[in-house]
N, C-alpha and C. Protein backbone atom coordinates (compact mmCIF):
# COMPACT_ATOMS: atom_id res chain seq x y z
N MET A 1 12.85 0.01 56.88
CA MET A 1 11.93 -0.36 55.41
C MET A 1 12.78 -0.11 54.12
N PHE A 2 13.02 0.87 54.12
CA PHE A 2 13.55 1.50 52.47
C PHE A 2 14.78 -0.01 52.12
N PHE A 3 15.24 -0.45 53.17
CA PHE A 3 16.55 -0.99 53.30
C PHE A 3 15.85 -2.51 52.83
N SER A 4 14.71 -2.91 53.12
CA SER A 4 14.09 -4.35 52.86
C SER A 4 13.59 -4.45 51.38
N LEU A 5 13.09 -2.90 50.92
CA LEU A 5 13.01 -2.84 49.21
C LEU A 5 14.07 -2.99 48.42
N LEU A 6 15.55 -2.54 48.85
CA LEU A 6 16.34 -2.44 48.22
C LEU A 6 16.92 -4.20 48.03
N LEU A 7 16.38 -5.30 49.17
CA LEU A 7 17.23 -6.38 49.37
C LEU A 7 16.28 -6.86 48.13
N GLN A 8 15.12 -6.80 48.03
CA GLN A 8 14.35 -7.45 47.32
C GLN A 8 14.98 -7.84 45.84
N GLN A 9 14.27 -9.33 45.50
CA GLN A 9 15.12 -9.56 44.30
C GLN A 9 14.50 -9.01 43.16
N GLN A 10 15.21 -8.59 41.90
CA GLN A 10 14.84 -7.52 40.52
C GLN A 10 14.25 -9.00 39.93
N PRO A 11 13.07 -8.21 39.16
CA PRO A 11 12.55 -9.03 38.22
C PRO A 11 13.55 -9.47 36.87
N SER A 12 13.60 -10.20 36.27
CA SER A 12 14.32 -10.65 34.99
C SER A 12 14.27 -9.20 33.73
N PRO A 13 15.34 -9.01 33.54
CA PRO A 13 15.39 -8.31 32.42
C PRO A 13 14.47 -8.46 31.05
N VAL A 14 14.56 -9.69 30.91
CA VAL A 14 13.92 -10.36 30.07
C VAL A 14 12.23 -9.97 30.01
N LEU A 15 11.58 -10.45 31.34
CA LEU A 15 10.43 -10.46 31.82
C LEU A 15 10.04 -8.64 31.91
N GLN A 16 11.20 -7.76 31.90
CA GLN A 16 10.42 -6.30 31.69
C GLN A 16 10.46 -5.91 30.30
N PHE A 17 11.12 -6.35 29.62
CA PHE A 17 11.08 -5.87 27.97
C PHE A 17 9.88 -6.92 27.44
N ALA A 18 9.30 -7.62 27.86
CA ALA A 18 8.16 -8.64 27.39
C ALA A 18 6.91 -7.71 26.91
N PRO A 19 6.39 -7.00 27.78
CA PRO A 19 5.28 -6.03 27.32
C PRO A 19 5.79 -5.31 25.97
N TYR A 20 6.64 -4.33 25.70
CA TYR A 20 7.20 -4.19 24.99
C TYR A 20 7.30 -4.76 23.68
N LEU A 21 8.11 -5.92 23.98
CA LEU A 21 8.02 -6.78 22.64
C LEU A 21 6.49 -7.26 22.19
N LEU A 22 5.59 -7.20 23.13
CA LEU A 22 4.21 -7.95 22.89
C LEU A 22 3.62 -6.67 22.10
N ILE A 23 3.80 -5.18 22.35
CA ILE A 23 3.06 -4.22 21.80
C ILE A 23 4.19 -4.27 20.22
N GLY A 24 4.91 -4.40 20.37
CA GLY A 24 5.84 -4.67 18.92
C GLY A 24 5.15 -5.18 17.84
N LEU A 25 5.02 -6.25 18.56
CA LEU A 25 4.62 -7.64 17.57
C LEU A 25 2.71 -7.39 17.05
N VAL A 26 2.27 -6.88 18.52
CA VAL A 26 1.10 -6.25 17.83
C VAL A 26 0.60 -5.27 16.67
N PHE A 27 1.71 -4.13 16.79
CA PHE A 27 1.67 -3.39 15.78
C PHE A 27 2.44 -3.82 14.51
N TYR A 28 3.28 -4.75 14.16
CA TYR A 28 3.70 -5.56 13.07
C TYR A 28 2.53 -6.25 12.23
N PHE A 29 1.60 -6.79 13.25
CA PHE A 29 0.40 -7.56 12.45
C PHE A 29 -0.86 -6.53 12.27
N LEU A 30 -1.10 -6.11 13.20
CA LEU A 30 -2.42 -5.05 12.88
C LEU A 30 -1.81 -3.90 11.96
N LEU A 31 -0.67 -3.08 11.42
CA LEU A 31 -0.45 -2.20 10.96
C LEU A 31 0.49 -2.54 9.71
N PHE A 32 1.63 -3.21 10.26
CA PHE A 32 2.35 -3.02 8.86
C PHE A 32 2.45 -4.28 8.11
N ARG A 33 1.94 -5.39 8.28
CA ARG A 33 2.07 -6.22 7.84
C ARG A 33 0.14 -6.38 6.47
N PRO A 34 -0.79 -5.58 7.05
CA PRO A 34 -1.61 -5.28 6.12
C PRO A 34 -1.41 -3.78 5.22
N MET A 35 -0.65 -3.35 5.55
CA MET A 35 0.11 -2.30 4.33
C MET A 35 1.06 -3.12 3.37
N GLN A 36 1.73 -4.14 3.93
CA GLN A 36 2.69 -4.54 2.98
C GLN A 36 1.99 -5.42 2.14
N LYS A 37 0.71 -6.11 2.61
CA LYS A 37 0.16 -6.56 1.39
C LYS A 37 -0.69 -6.07 0.39
N GLN A 38 -1.09 -4.82 1.11
CA GLN A 38 -2.35 -3.93 0.01
C GLN A 38 -1.06 -3.40 -0.85
N LYS A 39 0.07 -3.27 -0.86
CA LYS A 39 1.09 -2.43 -1.51
C LYS A 39 1.57 -3.33 -2.61
N LYS A 40 1.45 -4.65 -2.19
CA LYS A 40 2.09 -5.68 -3.02
C LYS A 40 0.77 -5.93 -4.26
N GLN A 41 -0.21 -6.08 -3.60
CA GLN A 41 -1.55 -5.84 -4.54
C GLN A 41 -1.61 -4.63 -5.36
N GLN A 42 -1.22 -3.64 -5.14
CA GLN A 42 -1.44 -2.41 -6.24
C GLN A 42 -0.22 -2.90 -7.06
N GLN A 43 0.67 -3.16 -6.71
CA GLN A 43 2.12 -3.29 -7.45
C GLN A 43 1.56 -4.47 -8.50
N GLU A 44 1.02 -5.12 -8.32
CA GLU A 44 0.39 -6.50 -8.95
C GLU A 44 -0.49 -5.81 -10.06
N MET A 45 -1.61 -4.98 -9.67
CA MET A 45 -2.19 -4.54 -10.38
C MET A 45 -1.67 -3.78 -11.52
N VAL A 46 -0.70 -2.82 -10.75
CA VAL A 46 -0.27 -1.63 -11.90
C VAL A 46 0.35 -2.45 -12.72
N SER A 47 1.37 -3.61 -12.76
CA SER A 47 2.26 -4.44 -13.36
C SER A 47 1.17 -5.09 -14.73
N GLN A 48 -0.15 -5.22 -14.16
CA GLN A 48 -0.83 -6.09 -15.16
C GLN A 48 -1.42 -4.94 -15.90
N LEU A 49 -1.48 -3.78 -15.97
CA LEU A 49 -2.05 -2.51 -16.89
C LEU A 49 -1.76 -2.81 -18.29
N LYS A 50 -3.01 -2.91 -18.99
CA LYS A 50 -2.71 -2.96 -20.60
C LYS A 50 -3.73 -2.18 -21.48
N SER A 51 -3.41 -2.03 -22.48
CA SER A 51 -4.37 -1.03 -23.26
C SER A 51 -5.72 -1.30 -23.57
N GLY A 52 -6.49 -0.19 -23.06
CA GLY A 52 -7.92 -0.55 -23.17
C GLY A 52 -8.76 -0.78 -21.76
N ASP A 53 -7.73 -0.44 -20.60
CA ASP A 53 -8.13 -0.67 -19.54
C ASP A 53 -8.95 0.51 -18.89
N SER A 54 -9.83 0.67 -18.21
CA SER A 54 -10.22 1.81 -17.61
C SER A 54 -9.77 2.04 -16.16
N VAL A 55 -9.32 3.28 -15.97
CA VAL A 55 -8.41 3.24 -14.69
C VAL A 55 -8.58 4.62 -14.14
N ILE A 56 -8.80 4.58 -12.85
CA ILE A 56 -8.55 5.94 -11.87
C ILE A 56 -7.29 6.34 -11.40
N THR A 57 -7.07 7.46 -11.38
CA THR A 57 -5.39 8.08 -10.82
C THR A 57 -5.61 8.67 -9.25
N THR A 58 -4.62 8.82 -8.84
CA THR A 58 -4.50 9.28 -7.54
C THR A 58 -5.26 10.70 -7.46
N GLY A 59 -5.06 11.33 -8.26
CA GLY A 59 -5.82 12.77 -8.46
C GLY A 59 -7.19 12.68 -8.81
N GLY A 60 -7.51 11.45 -9.08
CA GLY A 60 -9.39 11.59 -9.41
C GLY A 60 -9.66 11.45 -11.01
N ILE A 61 -8.72 11.50 -11.76
CA ILE A 61 -8.81 11.72 -13.16
C ILE A 61 -8.89 10.36 -13.69
N THR A 62 -10.17 10.05 -14.70
CA THR A 62 -10.94 8.62 -15.14
C THR A 62 -10.40 8.52 -16.40
N GLY A 63 -10.27 7.45 -17.13
CA GLY A 63 -9.29 7.62 -18.35
C GLY A 63 -9.26 5.85 -18.75
N THR A 64 -9.01 6.33 -19.97
CA THR A 64 -8.61 4.62 -20.74
C THR A 64 -7.52 4.77 -21.10
N VAL A 65 -6.56 3.55 -20.65
CA VAL A 65 -5.29 3.61 -21.02
C VAL A 65 -5.00 3.39 -22.46
N VAL A 66 -4.33 4.16 -22.91
CA VAL A 66 -3.85 4.26 -24.70
C VAL A 66 -2.40 3.49 -24.76
N SER A 67 -1.32 3.94 -24.05
CA SER A 67 -0.41 2.68 -23.87
C SER A 67 0.26 3.09 -22.44
N VAL A 68 1.37 1.81 -22.73
CA VAL A 68 1.83 1.28 -21.03
C VAL A 68 3.70 1.43 -21.57
N ASP A 69 4.36 2.20 -20.84
CA ASP A 69 5.96 2.03 -20.65
C ASP A 69 6.25 1.42 -19.49
N SER A 70 7.64 1.31 -19.68
CA SER A 70 8.19 0.49 -18.37
C SER A 70 7.63 1.45 -16.93
N ASP A 71 7.89 2.42 -16.92
CA ASP A 71 7.22 3.68 -15.87
C ASP A 71 6.13 4.40 -15.97
N THR A 72 5.75 4.67 -17.31
CA THR A 72 4.75 5.58 -17.53
C THR A 72 3.72 4.67 -18.01
N ILE A 73 2.13 5.69 -18.33
CA ILE A 73 1.10 5.07 -18.84
C ILE A 73 0.65 6.38 -20.00
N VAL A 74 -0.08 6.14 -20.71
CA VAL A 74 -0.87 7.10 -21.58
C VAL A 74 -2.43 7.16 -21.44
N LEU A 75 -3.20 7.90 -20.88
CA LEU A 75 -4.06 7.74 -20.70
C LEU A 75 -5.50 8.67 -21.46
N ARG A 76 -6.38 8.22 -22.42
CA ARG A 76 -7.23 9.15 -23.07
C ARG A 76 -8.52 9.59 -22.25
N VAL A 77 -8.56 11.06 -22.00
CA VAL A 77 -9.53 11.46 -20.69
C VAL A 77 -10.75 12.00 -21.73
N LYS A 78 -12.04 11.70 -21.62
CA LYS A 78 -13.03 12.02 -22.08
C LYS A 78 -13.64 13.59 -21.77
N PRO A 79 -14.14 14.62 -22.35
CA PRO A 79 -15.17 14.25 -23.38
C PRO A 79 -14.11 14.37 -24.93
N ASP A 80 -12.95 14.94 -24.72
CA ASP A 80 -12.17 15.86 -25.98
C ASP A 80 -11.16 14.80 -26.47
N ASN A 81 -11.05 13.20 -25.72
CA ASN A 81 -10.20 12.53 -26.26
C ASN A 81 -8.75 13.12 -25.96
N VAL A 82 -8.34 13.86 -24.92
CA VAL A 82 -7.47 14.47 -24.39
C VAL A 82 -6.48 13.38 -23.88
N LYS A 83 -5.10 13.37 -24.62
CA LYS A 83 -4.43 12.10 -23.81
C LYS A 83 -3.66 12.66 -22.93
N LEU A 84 -3.32 12.35 -21.71
CA LEU A 84 -2.61 12.62 -20.59
C LEU A 84 -1.29 11.52 -20.48
N GLN A 85 -0.24 11.77 -20.00
CA GLN A 85 1.06 10.56 -19.71
C GLN A 85 1.25 10.98 -18.14
N PHE A 86 0.99 10.01 -17.37
CA PHE A 86 1.11 9.39 -15.83
C PHE A 86 2.17 8.37 -15.55
N ALA A 87 2.58 8.43 -14.30
CA ALA A 87 3.35 7.73 -13.82
C ALA A 87 2.81 6.27 -13.66
N ARG A 88 3.12 5.05 -13.62
CA ARG A 88 2.24 3.93 -13.48
C ARG A 88 1.92 4.06 -12.23
N SER A 89 2.68 4.42 -11.10
CA SER A 89 2.36 4.35 -9.73
C SER A 89 1.01 5.37 -9.38
N ALA A 90 0.87 6.14 -10.28
CA ALA A 90 -0.35 7.27 -9.84
C ALA A 90 -1.58 6.24 -10.42
N VAL A 91 -1.65 5.25 -10.62
CA VAL A 91 -3.14 4.52 -10.94
C VAL A 91 -3.39 3.71 -9.67
N THR A 92 -4.66 4.58 -9.20
CA THR A 92 -4.92 4.01 -8.06
C THR A 92 -5.83 2.60 -8.05
N THR A 93 -6.73 2.75 -9.10
CA THR A 93 -7.64 1.89 -9.24
C THR A 93 -8.16 1.54 -10.78
N VAL A 94 -8.15 -0.17 -10.94
CA VAL A 94 -8.61 -0.50 -12.49
C VAL A 94 -10.09 -0.73 -12.47
N THR A 95 -10.84 0.28 -13.25
CA THR A 95 -12.57 0.23 -12.81
C THR A 95 -13.25 -1.13 -13.41
N ASN A 96 -12.57 -1.32 -14.64
CA ASN A 96 -12.78 -2.46 -15.79
C ASN A 96 -11.67 -2.74 -16.70
N ALA A 97 -11.39 -3.94 -16.57
CA ALA A 97 -10.60 -4.52 -17.86
C ALA A 97 -11.17 -4.64 -19.17
N GLU A 98 -10.47 -4.47 -20.35
CA GLU A 98 -10.87 -4.61 -21.53
C GLU A 98 -11.56 -6.27 -21.47
N GLY A 99 -12.90 -6.21 -21.85
CA GLY A 99 -13.35 -7.60 -22.23
C GLY A 99 -14.15 -7.59 -21.18
N THR A 100 -14.02 -7.35 -19.57
CA THR A 100 -15.02 -7.55 -18.89
C THR A 100 -15.90 -6.50 -18.41
N LYS A 101 -17.33 -6.96 -18.23
CA LYS A 101 -18.47 -5.97 -17.74
C LYS A 101 -18.97 -5.80 -16.31
């Protein structure tokens, strides 16, 4: 009985790895691809920041952009018009751009 099991033909190694490849493709298209798109949109939004834009930072601070450098921005925060310097990557949302309502 055991001998007959040993004599059976083994499936192709490619067919044995097919489910793992399928799971990998599903992970790529359901997890990694959307994250890449979201990261690209975030980088595009941050690159288009200009003075006068209202933004929200990762820490939840809301302010108006006063100046923009290559890697930092300065925000004016109400009520005392305090100016704070942040990394450009700290901006999560542009709430309204200058000239739009």
